[in-house]
């Protein structure tokens, strides 16, 4: 008998929780398109491999679709060095750009 009562209570709580989601009106949906600023770092790396330049200089001079901050370009540099470490030659030569010291890195 107790099991039947518990089962009824469980069934009631399940039916109370399963209310349908609210209907989205057309007023709530806006027809605006959002274009995200996305840089495919893998594609950037592969084009670097064909360039013959050092990595940092290449990333600075790359023709991005939208302007990129220096901080974002440093992020791309760091991501490529971490992801493609085995395919890169890290030299003992250094250069400086706007107060940033960086090693010259080339394709192996």
PDB file of N, CA and C in Angstrom:
ATOM      1  N   UNK A   1       0.808  -1.188   0.000  1.00  0.00           N
ATOM      2  CA  UNK A   1       0.000   0.000   0.000  1.00  0.00           C
ATOM      3  C   UNK A   1       0.865   1.271   0.000  1.00  0.00           C
ATOM      4  N   UNK A   2       1.917   1.252   0.778  1.00  0.00           N
ATOM      5  CA  UNK A   2       2.802   2.400   0.856  1.00  0.00           C
ATOM      6  C   UNK A   2       3.470   2.644  -0.497  1.00  0.00           C
ATOM      7  N   UNK A   3       3.825   1.585  -1.166  1.00  0.00           N
ATOM      8  CA  UNK A   3       4.483   1.707  -2.472  1.00  0.00           C
ATOM      9  C   UNK A   3       3.546   2.385  -3.467  1.00  0.00           C
ATOM     10  N   UNK A   4       2.261   2.058  -3.428  1.00  0.00           N
ATOM     11  CA  UNK A   4       1.304   2.686  -4.348  1.00  0.00           C
ATOM     12  C   UNK A   4       1.173   4.180  -4.067  1.00  0.00           C
ATOM     13  N   UNK A   5       1.164   4.572  -2.804  1.00  0.00           N
ATOM     14  CA  UNK A   5       1.079   5.994  -2.446  1.00  0.00           C
ATOM     15  C   UNK A   5       2.320   6.758  -2.930  1.00  0.00           C
ATOM     16  N   UNK A   6       3.492   6.158  -2.723  1.00  0.00           N
ATOM     17  CA  UNK A   6       4.729   6.792  -3.175  1.00  0.00           C
ATOM     18  C   UNK A   6       4.727   6.922  -4.692  1.00  0.00           C
ATOM     19  N   UNK A   7       4.279   5.890  -5.378  1.00  0.00           N
ATOM     20  CA  UNK A   7       4.216   5.920  -6.837  1.00  0.00           C
ATOM     21  C   UNK A   7       3.271   7.020  -7.313  1.00  0.00           C
ATOM     22  N   UNK A   8       2.120   7.207  -6.640  1.00  0.00           N
ATOM     23  CA  UNK A   8       1.183   8.267  -7.010  1.00  0.00           C
ATOM     24  C   UNK A   8       1.826   9.638  -6.804  1.00  0.00           C
ATOM     25  N   UNK A   9       2.529   9.817  -5.686  1.00  0.00           N
ATOM     26  CA  UNK A   9       3.180  11.097  -5.420  1.00  0.00           C
ATOM     27  C   UNK A   9       4.272  11.400  -6.450  1.00  0.00           C
ATOM     28  N   UNK A  10       5.028  10.390  -6.809  1.00  0.00           N
ATOM     29  CA  UNK A  10       6.066  10.570  -7.829  1.00  0.00           C
ATOM     30  C   UNK A  10       5.424  10.936  -9.157  1.00  0.00           C
ATOM     31  N   UNK A  11       4.344  10.251  -9.526  1.00  0.00           N
ATOM     32  CA  UNK A  11       3.655  10.520 -10.784  1.00  0.00           C
ATOM     33  C   UNK A  11       3.115  11.948 -10.811  1.00  0.00           C
ATOM     34  N   UNK A  12       2.579  12.416  -9.683  1.00  0.00           N
ATOM     35  CA  UNK A  12       2.057  13.783  -9.610  1.00  0.00           C
ATOM     36  C   UNK A  12       3.184  14.795  -9.790  1.00  0.00           C
ATOM     37  N   UNK A  13       4.322  14.565  -9.129  1.00  0.00           N
ATOM     38  CA  UNK A  13       5.425  15.522  -9.245  1.00  0.00           C
ATOM     39  C   UNK A  13       6.002  15.538 -10.655  1.00  0.00           C
ATOM     40  N   UNK A  14       6.019  14.389 -11.300  1.00  0.00           N
ATOM     41  CA  UNK A  14       6.514  14.332 -12.681  1.00  0.00           C
ATOM     42  C   UNK A  14       5.574  15.093 -13.606  1.00  0.00           C
ATOM     43  N   UNK A  15       4.265  14.904 -13.441  1.00  0.00           N
ATOM     44  CA  UNK A  15       3.317  15.583 -14.320  1.00  0.00           C
ATOM     45  C   UNK A  15       3.308  17.092 -14.066  1.00  0.00           C
ATOM     46  N   UNK A  16       3.589  17.516 -12.829  1.00  0.00           N
ATOM     47  CA  UNK A  16       3.656  18.941 -12.541  1.00  0.00           C
ATOM     48  C   UNK A  16       4.890  19.590 -13.153  1.00  0.00           C
ATOM     49  N   UNK A  17       5.981  18.855 -13.216  1.00  0.00           N
ATOM     50  CA  UNK A  17       7.227  19.402 -13.754  1.00  0.00           C
ATOM     51  C   UNK A  17       7.261  19.422 -15.267  1.00  0.00           C
ATOM     52  N   UNK A  18       6.464  18.636 -15.915  1.00  0.00           N
ATOM     53  CA  UNK A  18       6.562  18.521 -17.373  1.00  0.00           C
ATOM     54  C   UNK A  18       5.629  19.502 -18.082  1.00  0.00           C
ATOM     55  N   UNK A  19       5.740  20.761 -17.749  1.00  0.00           N
ATOM     56  CA  UNK A  19       4.974  21.777 -18.453  1.00  0.00           C
ATOM     57  C   UNK A  19       5.708  22.147 -19.733  1.00  0.00           C
ATOM     58  N   UNK A  20       4.976  22.437 -20.782  1.00  0.00           N
ATOM     59  CA  UNK A  20       5.635  22.762 -22.053  1.00  0.00           C
ATOM     60  C   UNK A  20       6.364  24.097 -21.961  1.00  0.00           C
ATOM     61  N   UNK A  21       7.404  24.252 -22.738  1.00  0.00           N
ATOM     62  CA  UNK A  21       8.135  25.519 -22.730  1.00  0.00           C
ATOM     63  C   UNK A  21       7.258  26.636 -23.297  1.00  0.00           C
ATOM     64  N   UNK A  22       7.529  27.857 -22.905  1.00  0.00           N
ATOM     65  CA  UNK A  22       6.702  28.959 -23.418  1.00  0.00           C
ATOM     66  C   UNK A  22       6.900  29.142 -24.921  1.00  0.00           C
ATOM     67  N   UNK A  23       5.860  29.601 -25.555  1.00  0.00           N
ATOM     68  CA  UNK A  23       5.914  29.839 -26.994  1.00  0.00           C
ATOM     69  C   UNK A  23       6.645  31.155 -27.243  1.00  0.00           C
ATOM     70  N   UNK A  24       7.559  31.132 -28.184  1.00  0.00           N
ATOM     71  CA  UNK A  24       8.328  32.334 -28.514  1.00  0.00           C
ATOM     72  C   UNK A  24       7.562  33.108 -29.567  1.00  0.00           C
ATOM     73  N   UNK A  25       7.227  34.323 -29.231  1.00  0.00           N
ATOM     74  CA  UNK A  25       6.482  35.152 -30.185  1.00  0.00           C
ATOM     75  C   UNK A  25       7.434  35.748 -31.214  1.00  0.00           C
ATOM     76  N   UNK A  26       6.887  36.174 -32.332  1.00  0.00           N
ATOM     77  CA  UNK A  26       7.715  36.774 -33.376  1.00  0.00           C
ATOM     78  C   UNK A  26       8.314  38.096 -32.915  1.00  0.00           C
ATOM     79  N   UNK A  27       7.698  38.745 -31.917  1.00  0.00           N
ATOM     80  CA  UNK A  27       8.249  39.984 -31.379  1.00  0.00           C
ATOM     81  C   UNK A  27       9.548  39.725 -30.619  1.00  0.00           C
ATOM     82  N   UNK A  28       9.659  38.522 -30.033  1.00  0.00           N
ATOM     83  CA  UNK A  28      10.854  38.188 -29.270  1.00  0.00           C
ATOM     84  C   UNK A  28      12.035  37.859 -30.177  1.00  0.00           C
ATOM     85  N   UNK A  29      11.746  37.449 -31.382  1.00  0.00           N
ATOM     86  CA  UNK A  29      12.798  37.070 -32.328  1.00  0.00           C
ATOM     87  C   UNK A  29      13.157  38.292 -33.160  1.00  0.00           C
ATOM     88  N   UNK A  30      14.409  38.662 -33.107  1.00  0.00           N
ATOM     89  CA  UNK A  30      14.865  39.806 -33.890  1.00  0.00           C
ATOM     90  C   UNK A  30      15.611  39.283 -35.111  1.00  0.00           C
ATOM     91  N   UNK A  31      15.437  39.919 -36.203  1.00  0.00           N
ATOM     92  CA  UNK A  31      16.053  39.495 -37.452  1.00  0.00           C
ATOM     93  C   UNK A  31      17.454  40.020 -37.661  1.00  0.00           C
ATOM     94  N   UNK A  32      18.158  40.329 -36.586  1.00  0.00           N
ATOM     95  CA  UNK A  32      19.506  40.858 -36.718  1.00  0.00           C
ATOM     96  C   UNK A  32      20.501  39.721 -36.905  1.00  0.00           C
ATOM     97  N   UNK A  33      21.444  39.925 -37.785  1.00  0.00           N
ATOM     98  CA  UNK A  33      22.498  38.947 -38.020  1.00  0.00           C
ATOM     99  C   UNK A  33      23.751  39.406 -37.289  1.00  0.00           C
ATOM    100  N   UNK A  34      24.353  38.481 -36.577  1.00  0.00           N
ATOM    101  CA  UNK A  34      25.583  38.793 -35.860  1.00  0.00           C
ATOM    102  C   UNK A  34      26.724  38.074 -36.558  1.00  0.00           C
ATOM    103  N   UNK A  35      27.738  38.829 -36.965  1.00  0.00           N
ATOM    104  CA  UNK A  35      28.910  38.242 -37.588  1.00  0.00           C
ATOM    105  C   UNK A  35      30.036  38.285 -36.568  1.00  0.00           C
ATOM    106  N   UNK A  36      30.490  37.102 -36.199  1.00  0.00           N
ATOM    107  CA  UNK A  36      31.538  37.040 -35.198  1.00  0.00           C
ATOM    108  C   UNK A  36      32.908  37.231 -35.838  1.00  0.00           C
ATOM    109  N   UNK A  37      33.786  37.817 -35.075  1.00  0.00           N
ATOM    110  CA  UNK A  37      35.148  38.021 -35.533  1.00  0.00           C
ATOM    111  C   UNK A  37      35.931  36.757 -35.192  1.00  0.00           C
ATOM    112  N   UNK A  38      36.091  35.878 -36.164  1.00  0.00           N
ATOM    113  CA  UNK A  38      36.730  34.588 -35.937  1.00  0.00           C
ATOM    114  C   UNK A  38      37.965  34.479 -36.813  1.00  0.00           C
ATOM    115  N   UNK A  39      39.068  34.092 -36.207  1.00  0.00           N
ATOM    116  CA  UNK A  39      40.288  33.841 -36.958  1.00  0.00           C
ATOM    117  C   UNK A  39      40.600  32.355 -36.826  1.00  0.00           C
ATOM    118  N   UNK A  40      40.698  31.681 -37.947  1.00  0.00           N
ATOM    119  CA  UNK A  40      41.049  30.264 -37.966  1.00  0.00           C
ATOM    120  C   UNK A  40      42.563  30.156 -37.782  1.00  0.00           C
ATOM    121  N   UNK A  41      42.973  29.854 -36.562  1.00  0.00           N
ATOM    122  CA  UNK A  41      44.396  29.833 -36.232  1.00  0.00           C
ATOM    123  C   UNK A  41      45.105  28.709 -36.983  1.00  0.00           C
ATOM    124  N   UNK A  42      44.426  27.611 -37.251  1.00  0.00           N
ATOM    125  CA  UNK A  42      45.039  26.528 -38.021  1.00  0.00           C
ATOM    126  C   UNK A  42      45.335  26.990 -39.449  1.00  0.00           C
ATOM    127  N   UNK A  43      44.391  27.697 -40.054  1.00  0.00           N
ATOM    128  CA  UNK A  43      44.623  28.222 -41.404  1.00  0.00           C
ATOM    129  C   UNK A  43      45.740  29.262 -41.384  1.00  0.00           C
ATOM    130  N   UNK A  44      45.781  30.065 -40.336  1.00  0.00           N
ATOM    131  CA  UNK A  44      46.847  31.053 -40.182  1.00  0.00           C
ATOM    132  C   UNK A  44      48.203  30.357 -40.098  1.00  0.00           C
ATOM    133  N   UNK A  45      48.272  29.280 -39.330  1.00  0.00           N
ATOM    134  CA  UNK A  45      49.525  28.525 -39.187  1.00  0.00           C
ATOM    135  C   UNK A  45      49.955  27.926 -40.524  1.00  0.00           C
ATOM    136  N   UNK A  46      49.018  27.343 -41.234  1.00  0.00           N
ATOM    137  CA  UNK A  46      49.370  26.708 -42.513  1.00  0.00           C
ATOM    138  C   UNK A  46      49.844  27.738 -43.540  1.00  0.00           C
ATOM    139  N   UNK A  47      49.255  28.908 -43.532  1.00  0.00           N
ATOM    140  CA  UNK A  47      49.744  29.927 -44.458  1.00  0.00           C
ATOM    141  C   UNK A  47      51.108  30.449 -44.016  1.00  0.00           C
ATOM    142  N   UNK A  48      51.361  30.473 -42.700  1.00  0.00           N
ATOM    143  CA  UNK A  48      52.694  30.841 -42.206  1.00  0.00           C
ATOM    144  C   UNK A  48      53.742  29.863 -42.718  1.00  0.00           C
ATOM    145  N   UNK A  49      53.430  28.560 -42.693  1.00  0.00           N
ATOM    146  CA  UNK A  49      54.398  27.549 -43.125  1.00  0.00           C
ATOM    147  C   UNK A  49      54.830  27.762 -44.570  1.00  0.00           C
ATOM    148  N   UNK A  50      53.973  28.348 -45.374  1.00  0.00           N
ATOM    149  CA  UNK A  50      54.303  28.594 -46.777  1.00  0.00           C
ATOM    150  C   UNK A  50      54.989  29.938 -46.993  1.00  0.00           C
ATOM    151  N   UNK A  51      55.133  30.739 -45.941  1.00  0.00           N
ATOM    152  CA  UNK A  51      55.611  32.112 -46.112  1.00  0.00           C
ATOM    153  C   UNK A  51      57.123  32.282 -46.107  1.00  0.00           C
ATOM    154  N   UNK A  52      57.833  31.490 -45.325  1.00  0.00           N
ATOM    155  CA  UNK A  52      59.273  31.653 -45.194  1.00  0.00           C
ATOM    156  C   UNK A  52      59.674  32.755 -44.221  1.00  0.00           C
ATOM    157  N   UNK A  53      58.719  33.396 -43.573  1.00  0.00           N
ATOM    158  CA  UNK A  53      59.003  34.468 -42.616  1.00  0.00           C
ATOM    159  C   UNK A  53      59.077  33.914 -41.194  1.00  0.00           C
ATOM    160  N   UNK A  54      59.541  34.768 -40.266  1.00  0.00           N
ATOM    161  CA  UNK A  54      59.462  34.342 -38.871  1.00  0.00           C
ATOM    162  C   UNK A  54      58.004  34.485 -38.419  1.00  0.00           C
ATOM    163  N   UNK A  55      57.616  33.680 -37.457  1.00  0.00           N
ATOM    164  CA  UNK A  55      56.216  33.565 -37.058  1.00  0.00           C
ATOM    165  C   UNK A  55      55.628  34.885 -36.573  1.00  0.00           C
ATOM    166  N   UNK A  56      56.314  35.582 -35.681  1.00  0.00           N
ATOM    167  CA  UNK A  56      55.751  36.799 -35.119  1.00  0.00           C
ATOM    168  C   UNK A  56      55.552  37.868 -36.191  1.00  0.00           C
ATOM    169  N   UNK A  57      56.546  38.059 -37.044  1.00  0.00           N
ATOM    170  CA  UNK A  57      56.419  39.036 -38.129  1.00  0.00           C
ATOM    171  C   UNK A  57      55.275  38.671 -39.057  1.00  0.00           C
ATOM    172  N   UNK A  58      55.130  37.389 -39.336  1.00  0.00           N
ATOM    173  CA  UNK A  58      54.060  36.949 -40.211  1.00  0.00           C
ATOM    174  C   UNK A  58      52.695  37.271 -39.608  1.00  0.00           C
ATOM    175  N   UNK A  59      52.532  36.977 -38.325  1.00  0.00           N
ATOM    176  CA  UNK A  59      51.259  37.233 -37.658  1.00  0.00           C
ATOM    177  C   UNK A  59      50.956  38.731 -37.606  1.00  0.00           C
ATOM    178  N   UNK A  60      51.981  39.541 -37.407  1.00  0.00           N
ATOM    179  CA  UNK A  60      51.766  40.994 -37.384  1.00  0.00           C
ATOM    180  C   UNK A  60      51.321  41.512 -38.744  1.00  0.00           C
ATOM    181  N   UNK A  61      51.875  40.967 -39.828  1.00  0.00           N
ATOM    182  CA  UNK A  61      51.622  41.486 -41.170  1.00  0.00           C
ATOM    183  C   UNK A  61      50.483  40.780 -41.901  1.00  0.00           C
ATOM    184  N   UNK A  62      49.940  39.742 -41.319  1.00  0.00           N
ATOM    185  CA  UNK A  62      48.883  38.957 -41.971  1.00  0.00           C
ATOM    186  C   UNK A  62      47.673  39.843 -42.279  1.00  0.00           C
ATOM    187  N   UNK A  63      47.033  39.613 -43.408  1.00  0.00           N
ATOM    188  CA  UNK A  63      45.864  40.396 -43.816  1.00  0.00           C
ATOM    189  C   UNK A  63      44.574  39.831 -43.235  1.00  0.00           C
ATOM    190  N   UNK A  64      44.242  40.210 -42.029  1.00  0.00           N
ATOM    191  CA  UNK A  64      43.025  39.748 -41.360  1.00  0.00           C
ATOM    192  C   UNK A  64      41.806  40.424 -41.983  1.00  0.00           C
ATOM    193  N   UNK A  65      40.651  39.767 -41.877  1.00  0.00           N
ATOM    194  CA  UNK A  65      39.411  40.353 -42.387  1.00  0.00           C
ATOM    195  C   UNK A  65      38.995  41.582 -41.587  1.00  0.00           C
ATOM    196  N   UNK A  66      39.264  41.561 -40.295  1.00  0.00           N
ATOM    197  CA  UNK A  66      38.972  42.690 -39.415  1.00  0.00           C
ATOM    198  C   UNK A  66      40.233  43.029 -38.649  1.00  0.00           C
ATOM    199  N   UNK A  67      40.401  44.283 -38.266  1.00  0.00           N
ATOM    200  CA  UNK A  67      41.596  44.651 -37.495  1.00  0.00           C
ATOM    201  C   UNK A  67      41.709  43.830 -36.212  1.00  0.00           C
ATOM    202  N   UNK A  68      42.932  43.412 -35.902  1.00  0.00           N
ATOM    203  CA  UNK A  68      43.196  42.609 -34.708  1.00  0.00           C
ATOM    204  C   UNK A  68      44.115  43.397 -33.786  1.00  0.00           C
ATOM    205  N   UNK A  69      43.821  43.362 -32.510  1.00  0.00           N
ATOM    206  CA  UNK A  69      44.666  44.044 -31.533  1.00  0.00           C
ATOM    207  C   UNK A  69      46.002  43.313 -31.424  1.00  0.00           C
ATOM    208  N   UNK A  70      46.987  44.004 -30.903  1.00  0.00           N
ATOM    209  CA  UNK A  70      48.284  43.382 -30.680  1.00  0.00           C
ATOM    210  C   UNK A  70      48.153  42.207 -29.710  1.00  0.00           C
ATOM    211  N   UNK A  71      47.300  42.356 -28.709  1.00  0.00           N
ATOM    212  CA  UNK A  71      47.097  41.272 -27.735  1.00  0.00           C
ATOM    213  C   UNK A  71      46.559  40.018 -28.409  1.00  0.00           C
ATOM    214  N   UNK A  72      45.606  40.187 -29.327  1.00  0.00           N
ATOM    215  CA  UNK A  72      45.051  39.033 -30.045  1.00  0.00           C
ATOM    216  C   UNK A  72      46.129  38.382 -30.915  1.00  0.00           C
ATOM    217  N   UNK A  73      46.956  39.192 -31.553  1.00  0.00           N
ATOM    218  CA  UNK A  73      48.017  38.642 -32.396  1.00  0.00           C
ATOM    219  C   UNK A  73      49.030  37.861 -31.560  1.00  0.00           C
ATOM    220  N   UNK A  74      49.310  38.343 -30.368  1.00  0.00           N
ATOM    221  CA  UNK A  74      50.201  37.604 -29.460  1.00  0.00           C
ATOM    222  C   UNK A  74      49.542  36.282 -29.063  1.00  0.00           C
ATOM    223  N   UNK A  75      48.234  36.277 -28.874  1.00  0.00           N
ATOM    224  CA  UNK A  75      47.520  35.027 -28.574  1.00  0.00           C
ATOM    225  C   UNK A  75      47.666  34.030 -29.721  1.00  0.00           C
ATOM    226  N   UNK A  76      47.532  34.496 -30.964  1.00  0.00           N
ATOM    227  CA  UNK A  76      47.691  33.614 -32.124  1.00  0.00           C
ATOM    228  C   UNK A  76      49.103  33.039 -32.166  1.00  0.00           C
ATOM    229  N   UNK A  77      50.086  33.897 -31.931  1.00  0.00           N
ATOM    230  CA  UNK A  77      51.490  33.486 -31.897  1.00  0.00           C
ATOM    231  C   UNK A  77      51.688  32.376 -30.863  1.00  0.00           C
ATOM    232  N   UNK A  78      51.161  32.607 -29.674  1.00  0.00           N
ATOM    233  CA  UNK A  78      51.310  31.634 -28.585  1.00  0.00           C
ATOM    234  C   UNK A  78      50.597  30.327 -28.913  1.00  0.00           C
ATOM    235  N   UNK A  79      49.395  30.426 -29.443  1.00  0.00           N
ATOM    236  CA  UNK A  79      48.633  29.216 -29.774  1.00  0.00           C
ATOM    237  C   UNK A  79      49.345  28.392 -30.846  1.00  0.00           C
ATOM    238  N   UNK A  80      49.877  29.050 -31.852  1.00  0.00           N
ATOM    239  CA  UNK A  80      50.580  28.335 -32.917  1.00  0.00           C
ATOM    240  C   UNK A  80      51.843  27.679 -32.370  1.00  0.00           C
ATOM    241  N   UNK A  81      52.595  28.384 -31.524  1.00  0.00           N
ATOM    242  CA  UNK A  81      53.816  27.780 -30.974  1.00  0.00           C
ATOM    243  C   UNK A  81      53.499  26.563 -30.120  1.00  0.00           C
ATOM    244  N   UNK A  82      52.382  26.573 -29.432  1.00  0.00           N
ATOM    245  CA  UNK A  82      52.012  25.431 -28.602  1.00  0.00           C
ATOM    246  C   UNK A  82      51.466  24.279 -29.433  1.00  0.00           C
ATOM    247  N   UNK A  83      50.651  24.598 -30.411  1.00  0.00           N
ATOM    248  CA  UNK A  83      49.995  23.555 -31.211  1.00  0.00           C
ATOM    249  C   UNK A  83      50.948  22.906 -32.213  1.00  0.00           C
ATOM    250  N   UNK A  84      51.816  23.697 -32.812  1.00  0.00           N
ATOM    251  CA  UNK A  84      52.683  23.209 -33.881  1.00  0.00           C
ATOM    252  C   UNK A  84      54.149  23.147 -33.454  1.00  0.00           C
ATOM    253  N   UNK A  85      54.393  22.957 -32.193  1.00  0.00           N
ATOM    254  CA  UNK A  85      55.743  22.962 -31.617  1.00  0.00           C
ATOM    255  C   UNK A  85      56.711  22.080 -32.404  1.00  0.00           C
ATOM    256  N   UNK A  86      56.280  20.894 -32.756  1.00  0.00           N
ATOM    257  CA  UNK A  86      57.151  19.923 -33.446  1.00  0.00           C
ATOM    258  C   UNK A  86      57.532  20.375 -34.857  1.00  0.00           C
ATOM    259  N   UNK A  87      56.754  21.258 -35.457  1.00  0.00           N
ATOM    260  CA  UNK A  87      57.005  21.687 -36.828  1.00  0.00           C
ATOM    261  C   UNK A  87      57.744  23.031 -36.890  1.00  0.00           C
ATOM    262  N   UNK A  88      58.130  23.548 -35.733  1.00  0.00           N
ATOM    263  CA  UNK A  88      58.755  24.868 -35.672  1.00  0.00           C
ATOM    264  C   UNK A  88      60.210  24.777 -35.242  1.00  0.00           C
ATOM    265  N   UNK A  89      60.998  25.720 -35.737  1.00  0.00           N
ATOM    266  CA  UNK A  89      62.396  25.836 -35.337  1.00  0.00           C
ATOM    267  C   UNK A  89      62.541  27.101 -34.491  1.00  0.00           C
ATOM    268  N   UNK A  90      62.846  26.911 -33.223  1.00  0.00           N
ATOM    269  CA  UNK A  90      63.028  28.018 -32.293  1.00  0.00           C
ATOM    270  C   UNK A  90      64.503  28.412 -32.315  1.00  0.00           C
ATOM    271  N   UNK A  91      64.782  29.632 -32.740  1.00  0.00           N
ATOM    272  CA  UNK A  91      66.167  30.069 -32.834  1.00  0.00           C
ATOM    273  C   UNK A  91      66.577  30.771 -31.541  1.00  0.00           C
ATOM    274  N   UNK A  92      67.871  31.048 -31.421  1.00  0.00           N
ATOM    275  CA  UNK A  92      68.353  31.789 -30.251  1.00  0.00           C
ATOM    276  C   UNK A  92      68.414  33.287 -30.549  1.00  0.00           C
ATOM    277  N   UNK A  93      67.867  33.691 -31.682  1.00  0.00           N
ATOM    278  CA  UNK A  93      67.803  35.106 -32.045  1.00  0.00           C
ATOM    279  C   UNK A  93      66.480  35.699 -31.558  1.00  0.00           C
ATOM    280  N   UNK A  94      66.569  36.925 -31.058  1.00  0.00           N
ATOM    281  CA  UNK A  94      65.387  37.595 -30.527  1.00  0.00           C
ATOM    282  C   UNK A  94      65.177  38.916 -31.244  1.00  0.00           C
ATOM    283  N   UNK A  95      63.933  39.374 -31.238  1.00  0.00           N
ATOM    284  CA  UNK A  95      63.585  40.676 -31.782  1.00  0.00           C
ATOM    285  C   UNK A  95      62.603  41.336 -30.817  1.00  0.00           C
ATOM    286  N   UNK A  96      62.346  42.619 -31.031  1.00  0.00           N
ATOM    287  CA  UNK A  96      61.439  43.362 -30.169  1.00  0.00           C
ATOM    288  C   UNK A  96      60.446  44.127 -31.014  1.00  0.00           C
ATOM    289  N   UNK A  97      59.195  44.109 -30.583  1.00  0.00           N
ATOM    290  CA  UNK A  97      58.146  44.885 -31.241  1.00  0.00           C
ATOM    291  C   UNK A  97      57.276  45.515 -30.164  1.00  0.00           C
ATOM    292  N   UNK A  98      57.212  46.822 -30.130  1.00  0.00           N
ATOM    293  CA  UNK A  98      56.413  47.582 -29.158  1.00  0.00           C
ATOM    294  C   UNK A  98      56.591  47.059 -27.725  1.00  0.00           C
ATOM    295  N   UNK A  99      57.829  46.871 -27.347  1.00  0.00           N
ATOM    296  CA  UNK A  99      58.127  46.430 -25.990  1.00  0.00           C
ATOM    297  C   UNK A  99      57.967  44.942 -25.751  1.00  0.00           C
ATOM    298  N   UNK A 100      57.658  44.189 -26.782  1.00  0.00           N
ATOM    299  CA  UNK A 100      57.503  42.735 -26.656  1.00  0.00           C
ATOM    300  C   UNK A 100      58.741  42.075 -27.247  1.00  0.00           C
ATOM    301  N   UNK A 101      59.486  41.368 -26.415  1.00  0.00           N
ATOM    302  CA  UNK A 101      60.626  40.584 -26.894  1.00  0.00           C
ATOM    303  C   UNK A 101      60.117  39.197 -27.270  1.00  0.00           C
ATOM    304  N   UNK A 102      60.531  38.727 -28.432  1.00  0.00           N
ATOM    305  CA  UNK A 102      60.080  37.409 -28.884  1.00  0.00           C
ATOM    306  C   UNK A 102      61.202  36.709 -29.637  1.00  0.00           C
ATOM    307  N   UNK A 103      61.250  35.371 -29.517  1.00  0.00           N
ATOM    308  CA  UNK A 103      62.259  34.619 -30.264  1.00  0.00           C
ATOM    309  C   UNK A 103      61.820  34.495 -31.728  1.00  0.00           C
ATOM    310  N   UNK A 104      62.798  34.478 -32.613  1.00  0.00           N
ATOM    311  CA  UNK A 104      62.492  34.262 -34.029  1.00  0.00           C
ATOM    312  C   UNK A 104      62.218  32.776 -34.231  1.00  0.00           C
ATOM    313  N   UNK A 105      61.052  32.486 -34.731  1.00  0.00           N
ATOM    314  CA  UNK A 105      60.605  31.103 -34.929  1.00  0.00           C
ATOM    315  C   UNK A 105      60.271  30.927 -36.398  1.00  0.00           C
ATOM    316  N   UNK A 106      60.795  29.844 -36.962  1.00  0.00           N
ATOM    317  CA  UNK A 106      60.575  29.538 -38.374  1.00  0.00           C
ATOM    318  C   UNK A 106      60.008  28.129 -38.509  1.00  0.00           C
ATOM    319  N   UNK A 107      59.570  27.824 -39.715  1.00  0.00           N
ATOM    320  CA  UNK A 107      59.165  26.448 -40.006  1.00  0.00           C
ATOM    321  C   UNK A 107      60.414  25.586 -40.077  1.00  0.00           C
ATOM    322  N   UNK A 108      60.349  24.347 -39.628  1.00  0.00           N
ATOM    323  CA  UNK A 108      61.496  23.421 -39.739  1.00  0.00           C
ATOM    324  C   UNK A 108      61.732  23.062 -41.176  1.00  0.00           C
TER     325      UNK A 108
END
